């Protein structure tokens, strides 16, 4: 289990390092704040701050779910939207990575 966590940590660090606009950090922060998130919820929350399409948001959430492995996805029924939640075991990891990015960004300015 520890090796999986270290691989996820490496992928998550790389994901956040490549964040030049702050979009990726904002998406991860939104997942930390909200328990249950749909693509529409996330899009509505970030569309005013970032110039991004709904399909780009859906693509990013899909990437986070499938490649990073930090999200759990479920549907109430076949007629409802997919609901994403952070896996509890990675919340502390995400917080520490976002905090270190925030801290290093403040040190540079």
PDB file of N, CA and C in Angstrom:
ATOM      1  N   UNK A   1       0.830  -1.199   0.000  1.00  0.00           N
ATOM      2  CA  UNK A   1       0.000   0.000   0.000  1.00  0.00           C
ATOM      3  C   UNK A   1       0.863   1.247   0.000  1.00  0.00           C
ATOM      4  N   UNK A   2       1.999   1.171   0.691  1.00  0.00           N
ATOM      5  CA  UNK A   2       2.860   2.335   0.781  1.00  0.00           C
ATOM      6  C   UNK A   2       3.450   2.699  -0.575  1.00  0.00           C
ATOM      7  N   UNK A   3       3.758   1.698  -1.401  1.00  0.00           N
ATOM      8  CA  UNK A   3       4.328   1.988  -2.715  1.00  0.00           C
ATOM      9  C   UNK A   3       3.293   2.651  -3.626  1.00  0.00           C
ATOM     10  N   UNK A   4       2.044   2.267  -3.485  1.00  0.00           N
ATOM     11  CA  UNK A   4       0.981   2.911  -4.263  1.00  0.00           C
ATOM     12  C   UNK A   4       0.859   4.367  -3.847  1.00  0.00           C
ATOM     13  N   UNK A   5       0.901   4.617  -2.552  1.00  0.00           N
ATOM     14  CA  UNK A   5       0.809   5.984  -2.046  1.00  0.00           C
ATOM     15  C   UNK A   5       1.980   6.835  -2.544  1.00  0.00           C
ATOM     16  N   UNK A   6       3.174   6.276  -2.576  1.00  0.00           N
ATOM     17  CA  UNK A   6       4.329   7.044  -3.043  1.00  0.00           C
ATOM     18  C   UNK A   6       4.229   7.330  -4.544  1.00  0.00           C
ATOM     19  N   UNK A   7       3.695   6.392  -5.315  1.00  0.00           N
ATOM     20  CA  UNK A   7       3.502   6.632  -6.746  1.00  0.00           C
ATOM     21  C   UNK A   7       2.461   7.723  -6.974  1.00  0.00           C
ATOM     22  N   UNK A   8       1.389   7.670  -6.200  1.00  0.00           N
ATOM     23  CA  UNK A   8       0.352   8.695  -6.322  1.00  0.00           C
ATOM     24  C   UNK A   8       0.909  10.053  -5.912  1.00  0.00           C
ATOM     25  N   UNK A   9       1.740  10.060  -4.889  1.00  0.00           N
ATOM     26  CA  UNK A   9       2.362  11.315  -4.454  1.00  0.00           C
ATOM     27  C   UNK A   9       3.226  11.908  -5.566  1.00  0.00           C
ATOM     28  N   UNK A  10       4.012  11.080  -6.222  1.00  0.00           N
ATOM     29  CA  UNK A  10       4.860  11.547  -7.325  1.00  0.00           C
ATOM     30  C   UNK A  10       4.013  12.095  -8.472  1.00  0.00           C
ATOM     31  N   UNK A  11       2.958  11.379  -8.835  1.00  0.00           N
ATOM     32  CA  UNK A  11       2.084  11.841  -9.919  1.00  0.00           C
ATOM     33  C   UNK A  11       1.395  13.146  -9.554  1.00  0.00           C
ATOM     34  N   UNK A  12       0.955  13.238  -8.315  1.00  0.00           N
ATOM     35  CA  UNK A  12       0.275  14.442  -7.846  1.00  0.00           C
ATOM     36  C   UNK A  12       1.222  15.629  -7.808  1.00  0.00           C
ATOM     37  N   UNK A  13       2.457  15.418  -7.373  1.00  0.00           N
ATOM     38  CA  UNK A  13       3.440  16.501  -7.367  1.00  0.00           C
ATOM     39  C   UNK A  13       3.719  16.984  -8.786  1.00  0.00           C
ATOM     40  N   UNK A  14       3.864  16.080  -9.712  1.00  0.00           N
ATOM     41  CA  UNK A  14       4.109  16.442 -11.114  1.00  0.00           C
ATOM     42  C   UNK A  14       2.905  17.204 -11.678  1.00  0.00           C
ATOM     43  N   UNK A  15       1.695  16.744 -11.344  1.00  0.00           N
ATOM     44  CA  UNK A  15       0.466  17.383 -11.791  1.00  0.00           C
ATOM     45  C   UNK A  15       0.414  18.827 -11.308  1.00  0.00           C
ATOM     46  N   UNK A  16       0.773  19.069 -10.059  1.00  0.00           N
ATOM     47  CA  UNK A  16       0.728  20.411  -9.487  1.00  0.00           C
ATOM     48  C   UNK A  16       1.896  21.260  -9.989  1.00  0.00           C
ATOM     49  N   UNK A  17       3.064  20.653 -10.208  1.00  0.00           N
ATOM     50  CA  UNK A  17       4.222  21.389 -10.726  1.00  0.00           C
ATOM     51  C   UNK A  17       3.942  21.985 -12.100  1.00  0.00           C
ATOM     52  N   UNK A  18       3.183  21.286 -12.914  1.00  0.00           N
ATOM     53  CA  UNK A  18       2.879  21.746 -14.270  1.00  0.00           C
ATOM     54  C   UNK A  18       1.762  22.781 -14.313  1.00  0.00           C
ATOM     55  N   UNK A  19       1.300  23.191 -13.150  1.00  0.00           N
ATOM     56  CA  UNK A  19       0.193  24.137 -13.031  1.00  0.00           C
ATOM     57  C   UNK A  19       0.723  25.576 -13.135  1.00  0.00           C
ATOM     58  N   UNK A  20       0.670  26.143 -14.322  1.00  0.00           N
ATOM     59  CA  UNK A  20       1.171  27.507 -14.513  1.00  0.00           C
ATOM     60  C   UNK A  20       0.112  28.563 -14.236  1.00  0.00           C
ATOM     61  N   UNK A  21      -1.145  28.233 -14.450  1.00  0.00           N
ATOM     62  CA  UNK A  21      -2.217  29.221 -14.300  1.00  0.00           C
ATOM     63  C   UNK A  21      -2.911  29.170 -12.943  1.00  0.00           C
ATOM     64  N   UNK A  22      -2.706  28.109 -12.198  1.00  0.00           N
ATOM     65  CA  UNK A  22      -3.388  27.942 -10.919  1.00  0.00           C
ATOM     66  C   UNK A  22      -4.676  27.145 -11.035  1.00  0.00           C
ATOM     67  N   UNK A  23      -5.029  26.724 -12.233  1.00  0.00           N
ATOM     68  CA  UNK A  23      -6.261  25.981 -12.466  1.00  0.00           C
ATOM     69  C   UNK A  23      -6.252  24.635 -11.742  1.00  0.00           C
ATOM     70  N   UNK A  24      -5.180  23.903 -11.884  1.00  0.00           N
ATOM     71  CA  UNK A  24      -5.112  22.574 -11.271  1.00  0.00           C
ATOM     72  C   UNK A  24      -5.193  22.667  -9.749  1.00  0.00           C
ATOM     73  N   UNK A  25      -4.517  23.638  -9.190  1.00  0.00           N
ATOM     74  CA  UNK A  25      -4.565  23.829  -7.735  1.00  0.00           C
ATOM     75  C   UNK A  25      -5.969  24.214  -7.291  1.00  0.00           C
ATOM     76  N   UNK A  26      -6.637  25.040  -8.083  1.00  0.00           N
ATOM     77  CA  UNK A  26      -8.005  25.438  -7.761  1.00  0.00           C
ATOM     78  C   UNK A  26      -8.951  24.247  -7.792  1.00  0.00           C
ATOM     79  N   UNK A  27      -8.775  23.382  -8.764  1.00  0.00           N
ATOM     80  CA  UNK A  27      -9.619  22.187  -8.872  1.00  0.00           C
ATOM     81  C   UNK A  27      -9.407  21.281  -7.657  1.00  0.00           C
ATOM     82  N   UNK A  28      -8.146  21.059  -7.298  1.00  0.00           N
ATOM     83  CA  UNK A  28      -7.870  20.213  -6.138  1.00  0.00           C
ATOM     84  C   UNK A  28      -8.391  20.857  -4.853  1.00  0.00           C
ATOM     85  N   UNK A  29      -8.257  22.168  -4.737  1.00  0.00           N
ATOM     86  CA  UNK A  29      -8.774  22.870  -3.555  1.00  0.00           C
ATOM     87  C   UNK A  29     -10.287  22.757  -3.469  1.00  0.00           C
ATOM     88  N   UNK A  30     -10.963  22.822  -4.611  1.00  0.00           N
ATOM     89  CA  UNK A  30     -12.415  22.681  -4.626  1.00  0.00           C
ATOM     90  C   UNK A  30     -12.827  21.300  -4.137  1.00  0.00           C
ATOM     91  N   UNK A  31     -12.087  20.285  -4.561  1.00  0.00           N
ATOM     92  CA  UNK A  31     -12.374  18.932  -4.084  1.00  0.00           C
ATOM     93  C   UNK A  31     -12.142  18.805  -2.579  1.00  0.00           C
ATOM     94  N   UNK A  32     -11.167  19.528  -2.062  1.00  0.00           N
ATOM     95  CA  UNK A  32     -10.928  19.505  -0.618  1.00  0.00           C
ATOM     96  C   UNK A  32     -12.063  20.168   0.152  1.00  0.00           C
ATOM     97  N   UNK A  33     -12.626  21.238  -0.414  1.00  0.00           N
ATOM     98  CA  UNK A  33     -13.692  21.969   0.276  1.00  0.00           C
ATOM     99  C   UNK A  33     -15.035  21.258   0.197  1.00  0.00           C
ATOM    100  N   UNK A  34     -15.352  20.741  -0.964  1.00  0.00           N
ATOM    101  CA  UNK A  34     -16.662  20.121  -1.194  1.00  0.00           C
ATOM    102  C   UNK A  34     -16.546  18.606  -1.071  1.00  0.00           C
ATOM    103  N   UNK A  35     -17.533  17.994  -0.467  1.00  0.00           N
ATOM    104  CA  UNK A  35     -17.512  16.537  -0.302  1.00  0.00           C
ATOM    105  C   UNK A  35     -17.890  15.805  -1.593  1.00  0.00           C
ATOM    106  N   UNK A  36     -19.011  16.204  -2.188  1.00  0.00           N
ATOM    107  CA  UNK A  36     -19.504  15.572  -3.415  1.00  0.00           C
ATOM    108  C   UNK A  36     -19.495  16.607  -4.536  1.00  0.00           C
ATOM    109  N   UNK A  37     -18.841  16.274  -5.637  1.00  0.00           N
ATOM    110  CA  UNK A  37     -18.649  17.228  -6.727  1.00  0.00           C
ATOM    111  C   UNK A  37     -19.031  16.584  -8.050  1.00  0.00           C
ATOM    112  N   UNK A  38     -19.804  17.305  -8.839  1.00  0.00           N
ATOM    113  CA  UNK A  38     -20.053  16.903 -10.217  1.00  0.00           C
ATOM    114  C   UNK A  38     -19.237  17.821 -11.123  1.00  0.00           C
ATOM    115  N   UNK A  39     -19.103  17.443 -12.366  1.00  0.00           N
ATOM    116  CA  UNK A  39     -18.384  18.282 -13.321  1.00  0.00           C
ATOM    117  C   UNK A  39     -19.071  19.639 -13.442  1.00  0.00           C
ATOM    118  N   UNK A  40     -20.399  19.643 -13.444  1.00  0.00           N
ATOM    119  CA  UNK A  40     -21.138  20.906 -13.545  1.00  0.00           C
ATOM    120  C   UNK A  40     -20.878  21.816 -12.344  1.00  0.00           C
ATOM    121  N   UNK A  41     -20.833  21.239 -11.143  1.00  0.00           N
ATOM    122  CA  UNK A  41     -20.519  22.021  -9.940  1.00  0.00           C
ATOM    123  C   UNK A  41     -19.150  22.672 -10.059  1.00  0.00           C
ATOM    124  N   UNK A  42     -18.191  21.891 -10.459  1.00  0.00           N
ATOM    125  CA  UNK A  42     -16.827  22.382 -10.581  1.00  0.00           C
ATOM    126  C   UNK A  42     -16.717  23.449 -11.660  1.00  0.00           C
ATOM    127  N   UNK A  43     -17.357  23.211 -12.787  1.00  0.00           N
ATOM    128  CA  UNK A  43     -17.329  24.184 -13.877  1.00  0.00           C
ATOM    129  C   UNK A  43     -17.935  25.516 -13.440  1.00  0.00           C
ATOM    130  N   UNK A  44     -19.061  25.474 -12.767  1.00  0.00           N
ATOM    131  CA  UNK A  44     -19.703  26.705 -12.289  1.00  0.00           C
ATOM    132  C   UNK A  44     -18.812  27.447 -11.296  1.00  0.00           C
ATOM    133  N   UNK A  45     -18.070  26.715 -10.502  1.00  0.00           N
ATOM    134  CA  UNK A  45     -17.222  27.338  -9.486  1.00  0.00           C
ATOM    135  C   UNK A  45     -15.985  28.007 -10.076  1.00  0.00           C
ATOM    136  N   UNK A  46     -15.438  27.470 -11.173  1.00  0.00           N
ATOM    137  CA  UNK A  46     -14.170  28.008 -11.678  1.00  0.00           C
ATOM    138  C   UNK A  46     -14.279  28.775 -12.989  1.00  0.00           C
ATOM    139  N   UNK A  47     -15.465  28.787 -13.612  1.00  0.00           N
ATOM    140  CA  UNK A  47     -15.562  29.427 -14.929  1.00  0.00           C
ATOM    141  C   UNK A  47     -15.357  30.940 -14.874  1.00  0.00           C
ATOM    142  N   UNK A  48     -15.647  31.575 -13.753  1.00  0.00           N
ATOM    143  CA  UNK A  48     -15.450  33.027 -13.672  1.00  0.00           C
ATOM    144  C   UNK A  48     -13.976  33.378 -13.471  1.00  0.00           C
ATOM    145  N   UNK A  49     -13.235  32.511 -12.831  1.00  0.00           N
ATOM    146  CA  UNK A  49     -11.828  32.778 -12.557  1.00  0.00           C
ATOM    147  C   UNK A  49     -10.925  32.372 -13.723  1.00  0.00           C
ATOM    148  N   UNK A  50     -11.313  31.334 -14.446  1.00  0.00           N
ATOM    149  CA  UNK A  50     -10.497  30.810 -15.536  1.00  0.00           C
ATOM    150  C   UNK A  50     -11.324  30.754 -16.816  1.00  0.00           C
ATOM    151  N   UNK A  51     -10.673  30.996 -17.925  1.00  0.00           N
ATOM    152  CA  UNK A  51     -11.320  30.890 -19.225  1.00  0.00           C
ATOM    153  C   UNK A  51     -11.201  29.430 -19.674  1.00  0.00           C
ATOM    154  N   UNK A  52     -12.219  28.639 -19.344  1.00  0.00           N
ATOM    155  CA  UNK A  52     -12.163  27.198 -19.582  1.00  0.00           C
ATOM    156  C   UNK A  52     -13.547  26.701 -19.977  1.00  0.00           C
ATOM    157  N   UNK A  53     -13.573  25.687 -20.820  1.00  0.00           N
ATOM    158  CA  UNK A  53     -14.845  25.110 -21.247  1.00  0.00           C
ATOM    159  C   UNK A  53     -15.248  23.977 -20.311  1.00  0.00           C
ATOM    160  N   UNK A  54     -16.510  23.625 -20.368  1.00  0.00           N
ATOM    161  CA  UNK A  54     -17.016  22.540 -19.545  1.00  0.00           C
ATOM    162  C   UNK A  54     -16.352  21.219 -19.922  1.00  0.00           C
ATOM    163  N   UNK A  55     -16.121  21.017 -21.203  1.00  0.00           N
ATOM    164  CA  UNK A  55     -15.489  19.766 -21.625  1.00  0.00           C
ATOM    165  C   UNK A  55     -14.042  19.677 -21.139  1.00  0.00           C
ATOM    166  N   UNK A  56     -13.363  20.807 -21.030  1.00  0.00           N
ATOM    167  CA  UNK A  56     -12.000  20.800 -20.486  1.00  0.00           C
ATOM    168  C   UNK A  56     -12.006  20.445 -19.003  1.00  0.00           C
ATOM    169  N   UNK A  57     -13.005  20.942 -18.286  1.00  0.00           N
ATOM    170  CA  UNK A  57     -13.149  20.601 -16.868  1.00  0.00           C
ATOM    171  C   UNK A  57     -13.438  19.107 -16.731  1.00  0.00           C
ATOM    172  N   UNK A  58     -14.330  18.600 -17.556  1.00  0.00           N
ATOM    173  CA  UNK A  58     -14.660  17.171 -17.517  1.00  0.00           C
ATOM    174  C   UNK A  58     -13.435  16.324 -17.841  1.00  0.00           C
ATOM    175  N   UNK A  59     -12.644  16.763 -18.785  1.00  0.00           N
ATOM    176  CA  UNK A  59     -11.427  16.047 -19.146  1.00  0.00           C
ATOM    177  C   UNK A  59     -10.434  16.026 -17.986  1.00  0.00           C
ATOM    178  N   UNK A  60     -10.283  17.161 -17.308  1.00  0.00           N
ATOM    179  CA  UNK A  60      -9.359  17.233 -16.181  1.00  0.00           C
ATOM    180  C   UNK A  60      -9.820  16.342 -15.030  1.00  0.00           C
ATOM    181  N   UNK A  61     -11.115  16.348 -14.755  1.00  0.00           N
ATOM    182  CA  UNK A  61     -11.644  15.496 -13.686  1.00  0.00           C
ATOM    183  C   UNK A  61     -11.437  14.023 -14.057  1.00  0.00           C
ATOM    184  N   UNK A  62     -11.656  13.680 -15.304  1.00  0.00           N
ATOM    185  CA  UNK A  62     -11.421  12.313 -15.759  1.00  0.00           C
ATOM    186  C   UNK A  62      -9.967  11.910 -15.611  1.00  0.00           C
ATOM    187  N   UNK A  63      -9.068  12.830 -15.915  1.00  0.00           N
ATOM    188  CA  UNK A  63      -7.639  12.560 -15.763  1.00  0.00           C
ATOM    189  C   UNK A  63      -7.287  12.344 -14.292  1.00  0.00           C
ATOM    190  N   UNK A  64      -7.791  13.219 -13.430  1.00  0.00           N
ATOM    191  CA  UNK A  64      -7.518  13.101 -11.997  1.00  0.00           C
ATOM    192  C   UNK A  64      -8.057  11.771 -11.462  1.00  0.00           C
ATOM    193  N   UNK A  65      -9.238  11.399 -11.938  1.00  0.00           N
ATOM    194  CA  UNK A  65      -9.852  10.144 -11.486  1.00  0.00           C
ATOM    195  C   UNK A  65      -9.072   8.920 -11.973  1.00  0.00           C
ATOM    196  N   UNK A  66      -8.749   8.904 -13.247  1.00  0.00           N
ATOM    197  CA  UNK A  66      -8.151   7.691 -13.809  1.00  0.00           C
ATOM    198  C   UNK A  66      -6.637   7.602 -13.637  1.00  0.00           C
ATOM    199  N   UNK A  67      -5.932   8.684 -13.814  1.00  0.00           N
ATOM    200  CA  UNK A  67      -4.468   8.634 -13.781  1.00  0.00           C
ATOM    201  C   UNK A  67      -3.884   8.884 -12.400  1.00  0.00           C
ATOM    202  N   UNK A  68      -4.455   9.830 -11.664  1.00  0.00           N
ATOM    203  CA  UNK A  68      -3.933  10.112 -10.328  1.00  0.00           C
ATOM    204  C   UNK A  68      -4.500   9.153  -9.295  1.00  0.00           C
ATOM    205  N   UNK A  69      -5.722   8.714  -9.494  1.00  0.00           N
ATOM    206  CA  UNK A  69      -6.320   7.723  -8.610  1.00  0.00           C
ATOM    207  C   UNK A  69      -6.716   8.240  -7.243  1.00  0.00           C
ATOM    208  N   UNK A  70      -7.003   9.526  -7.139  1.00  0.00           N
ATOM    209  CA  UNK A  70      -7.344  10.095  -5.833  1.00  0.00           C
ATOM    210  C   UNK A  70      -8.836  10.358  -5.671  1.00  0.00           C
ATOM    211  N   UNK A  71      -9.616  10.059  -6.714  1.00  0.00           N
ATOM    212  CA  UNK A  71     -11.057  10.299  -6.660  1.00  0.00           C
ATOM    213  C   UNK A  71     -11.830   8.989  -6.689  1.00  0.00           C
ATOM    214  N   UNK A  72     -12.979   9.028  -6.052  1.00  0.00           N
ATOM    215  CA  UNK A  72     -13.948   7.934  -6.103  1.00  0.00           C
ATOM    216  C   UNK A  72     -15.138   8.468  -6.900  1.00  0.00           C
ATOM    217  N   UNK A  73     -15.676   7.679  -7.800  1.00  0.00           N
ATOM    218  CA  UNK A  73     -16.792   8.114  -8.634  1.00  0.00           C
ATOM    219  C   UNK A  73     -17.976   7.171  -8.462  1.00  0.00           C
ATOM    220  N   UNK A  74     -19.181   7.755  -8.439  1.00  0.00           N
ATOM    221  CA  UNK A  74     -20.390   6.946  -8.354  1.00  0.00           C
ATOM    222  C   UNK A  74     -21.565   7.707  -8.945  1.00  0.00           C
ATOM    223  N   UNK A  75     -22.630   6.963  -9.245  1.00  0.00           N
ATOM    224  CA  UNK A  75     -23.877   7.543  -9.748  1.00  0.00           C
ATOM    225  C   UNK A  75     -25.018   7.030  -8.885  1.00  0.00           C
ATOM    226  N   UNK A  76     -25.949   7.916  -8.578  1.00  0.00           N
ATOM    227  CA  UNK A  76     -27.135   7.502  -7.819  1.00  0.00           C
ATOM    228  C   UNK A  76     -28.031   6.614  -8.682  1.00  0.00           C
ATOM    229  N   UNK A  77     -28.202   7.011  -9.934  1.00  0.00           N
ATOM    230  CA  UNK A  77     -28.962   6.207 -10.893  1.00  0.00           C
ATOM    231  C   UNK A  77     -28.421   6.509 -12.287  1.00  0.00           C
ATOM    232  N   UNK A  78     -28.890   5.790 -13.254  1.00  0.00           N
ATOM    233  CA  UNK A  78     -28.373   5.994 -14.602  1.00  0.00           C
ATOM    234  C   UNK A  78     -28.761   7.347 -15.179  1.00  0.00           C
ATOM    235  N   UNK A  79     -29.731   8.024 -14.595  1.00  0.00           N
ATOM    236  CA  UNK A  79     -30.182   9.327 -15.093  1.00  0.00           C
ATOM    237  C   UNK A  79     -29.423  10.498 -14.473  1.00  0.00           C
ATOM    238  N   UNK A  80     -28.665  10.269 -13.433  1.00  0.00           N
ATOM    239  CA  UNK A  80     -27.975  11.363 -12.749  1.00  0.00           C
ATOM    240  C   UNK A  80     -26.532  11.496 -13.234  1.00  0.00           C
ATOM    241  N   UNK A  81     -25.938  12.616 -12.887  1.00  0.00           N
ATOM    242  CA  UNK A  81     -24.542  12.863 -13.247  1.00  0.00           C
ATOM    243  C   UNK A  81     -23.607  12.074 -12.339  1.00  0.00           C
ATOM    244  N   UNK A  82     -22.410  11.855 -12.832  1.00  0.00           N
ATOM    245  CA  UNK A  82     -21.377  11.193 -12.049  1.00  0.00           C
ATOM    246  C   UNK A  82     -20.967  12.126 -10.908  1.00  0.00           C
ATOM    247  N   UNK A  83     -20.853  11.581  -9.710  1.00  0.00           N
ATOM    248  CA  UNK A  83     -20.453  12.347  -8.532  1.00  0.00           C
ATOM    249  C   UNK A  83     -19.061  11.870  -8.119  1.00  0.00           C
ATOM    250  N   UNK A  84     -18.153  12.829  -7.912  1.00  0.00           N
ATOM    251  CA  UNK A  84     -16.776  12.513  -7.533  1.00  0.00           C
ATOM    252  C   UNK A  84     -16.513  12.971  -6.109  1.00  0.00           C
ATOM    253  N   UNK A  85     -15.782  12.156  -5.369  1.00  0.00           N
ATOM    254  CA  UNK A  85     -15.339  12.519  -4.019  1.00  0.00           C
ATOM    255  C   UNK A  85     -13.871  12.139  -3.876  1.00  0.00           C
ATOM    256  N   UNK A  86     -13.176  12.888  -3.039  1.00  0.00           N
ATOM    257  CA  UNK A  86     -11.782  12.543  -2.752  1.00  0.00           C
ATOM    258  C   UNK A  86     -11.734  11.307  -1.871  1.00  0.00           C
ATOM    259  N   UNK A  87     -10.783  10.452  -2.150  1.00  0.00           N
ATOM    260  CA  UNK A  87     -10.553   9.309  -1.279  1.00  0.00           C
ATOM    261  C   UNK A  87      -9.924   9.836   0.011  1.00  0.00           C
ATOM    262  N   UNK A  88     -10.459   9.412   1.135  1.00  0.00           N
ATOM    263  CA  UNK A  88     -10.019   9.919   2.441  1.00  0.00           C
ATOM    264  C   UNK A  88      -8.526   9.732   2.689  1.00  0.00           C
ATOM    265  N   UNK A  89      -7.964   8.667   2.189  1.00  0.00           N
ATOM    266  CA  UNK A  89      -6.559   8.380   2.463  1.00  0.00           C
ATOM    267  C   UNK A  89      -5.583   9.331   1.760  1.00  0.00           C
ATOM    268  N   UNK A  90      -6.099  10.173   0.825  1.00  0.00           N
ATOM    269  CA  UNK A  90      -5.214  11.082   0.103  1.00  0.00           C
ATOM    270  C   UNK A  90      -5.456  12.554   0.429  1.00  0.00           C
ATOM    271  N   UNK A  91      -6.368  12.845   1.316  1.00  0.00           N
ATOM    272  CA  UNK A  91      -6.678  14.238   1.655  1.00  0.00           C
ATOM    273  C   UNK A  91      -5.458  14.932   2.248  1.00  0.00           C
ATOM    274  N   UNK A  92      -4.787  14.284   3.194  1.00  0.00           N
ATOM    275  CA  UNK A  92      -3.609  14.891   3.814  1.00  0.00           C
ATOM    276  C   UNK A  92      -2.480  15.095   2.813  1.00  0.00           C
ATOM    277  N   UNK A  93      -2.334  14.178   1.885  1.00  0.00           N
ATOM    278  CA  UNK A  93      -1.315  14.276   0.851  1.00  0.00           C
ATOM    279  C   UNK A  93      -1.570  15.475  -0.057  1.00  0.00           C
ATOM    280  N   UNK A  94      -2.804  15.651  -0.467  1.00  0.00           N
ATOM    281  CA  UNK A  94      -3.167  16.772  -1.332  1.00  0.00           C
ATOM    282  C   UNK A  94      -2.954  18.091  -0.595  1.00  0.00           C
ATOM    283  N   UNK A  95      -3.363  18.155   0.659  1.00  0.00           N
ATOM    284  CA  UNK A  95      -3.179  19.374   1.446  1.00  0.00           C
ATOM    285  C   UNK A  95      -1.706  19.736   1.556  1.00  0.00           C
ATOM    286  N   UNK A  96      -0.861  18.758   1.809  1.00  0.00           N
ATOM    287  CA  UNK A  96       0.565  19.050   1.974  1.00  0.00           C
ATOM    288  C   UNK A  96       1.203  19.501   0.659  1.00  0.00           C
ATOM    289  N   UNK A  97       0.818  18.910  -0.441  1.00  0.00           N
ATOM    290  CA  UNK A  97       1.378  19.302  -1.736  1.00  0.00           C
ATOM    291  C   UNK A  97       0.910  20.697  -2.126  1.00  0.00           C
ATOM    292  N   UNK A  98      -0.373  20.982  -1.916  1.00  0.00           N
ATOM    293  CA  UNK A  98      -0.868  22.325  -2.224  1.00  0.00           C
ATOM    294  C   UNK A  98      -0.242  23.371  -1.300  1.00  0.00           C
ATOM    295  N   UNK A  99      -0.055  23.025  -0.034  1.00  0.00           N
ATOM    296  CA  UNK A  99       0.563  23.954   0.905  1.00  0.00           C
ATOM    297  C   UNK A  99       2.009  24.237   0.508  1.00  0.00           C
ATOM    298  N   UNK A 100       2.754  23.218   0.112  1.00  0.00           N
ATOM    299  CA  UNK A 100       4.150  23.429  -0.283  1.00  0.00           C
ATOM    300  C   UNK A 100       4.236  24.260  -1.563  1.00  0.00           C
ATOM    301  N   UNK A 101       3.282  24.078  -2.477  1.00  0.00           N
ATOM    302  CA  UNK A 101       3.264  24.907  -3.692  1.00  0.00           C
ATOM    303  C   UNK A 101       2.955  26.357  -3.337  1.00  0.00           C
ATOM    304  N   UNK A 102       1.986  26.545  -2.465  1.00  0.00           N
ATOM    305  CA  UNK A 102       1.610  27.891  -2.036  1.00  0.00           C
ATOM    306  C   UNK A 102       2.775  28.567  -1.319  1.00  0.00           C
ATOM    307  N   UNK A 103       3.439  27.817  -0.470  1.00  0.00           N
ATOM    308  CA  UNK A 103       4.568  28.368   0.290  1.00  0.00           C
ATOM    309  C   UNK A 103       5.725  28.729  -0.618  1.00  0.00           C
ATOM    310  N   UNK A 104       6.042  27.862  -1.571  1.00  0.00           N
ATOM    311  CA  UNK A 104       7.146  28.157  -2.488  1.00  0.00           C
ATOM    312  C   UNK A 104       6.796  29.323  -3.412  1.00  0.00           C
ATOM    313  N   UNK A 105       5.532  29.462  -3.780  1.00  0.00           N
ATOM    314  CA  UNK A 105       5.126  30.601  -4.619  1.00  0.00           C
ATOM    315  C   UNK A 105       5.256  31.913  -3.852  1.00  0.00           C
ATOM    316  N   UNK A 106       4.966  31.910  -2.564  1.00  0.00           N
ATOM    317  CA  UNK A 106       5.087  33.118  -1.745  1.00  0.00           C
ATOM    318  C   UNK A 106       6.547  33.462  -1.469  1.00  0.00           C
ATOM    319  N   UNK A 107       7.414  32.477  -1.419  1.00  0.00           N
ATOM    320  CA  UNK A 107       8.835  32.729  -1.201  1.00  0.00           C
ATOM    321  C   UNK A 107       9.483  33.358  -2.425  1.00  0.00           C
ATOM    322  N   UNK A 108       8.971  33.024  -3.620  1.00  0.00           N
ATOM    323  CA  UNK A 108       9.531  33.554  -4.851  1.00  0.00           C
ATOM    324  C   UNK A 108       9.172  35.009  -5.071  1.00  0.00           C
ATOM    325  N   UNK A 109       8.040  35.478  -4.514  1.00  0.00           N
ATOM    326  CA  UNK A 109       7.621  36.856  -4.740  1.00  0.00           C
ATOM    327  C   UNK A 109       8.188  37.803  -3.727  1.00  0.00           C
TER     328      UNK A 109
END
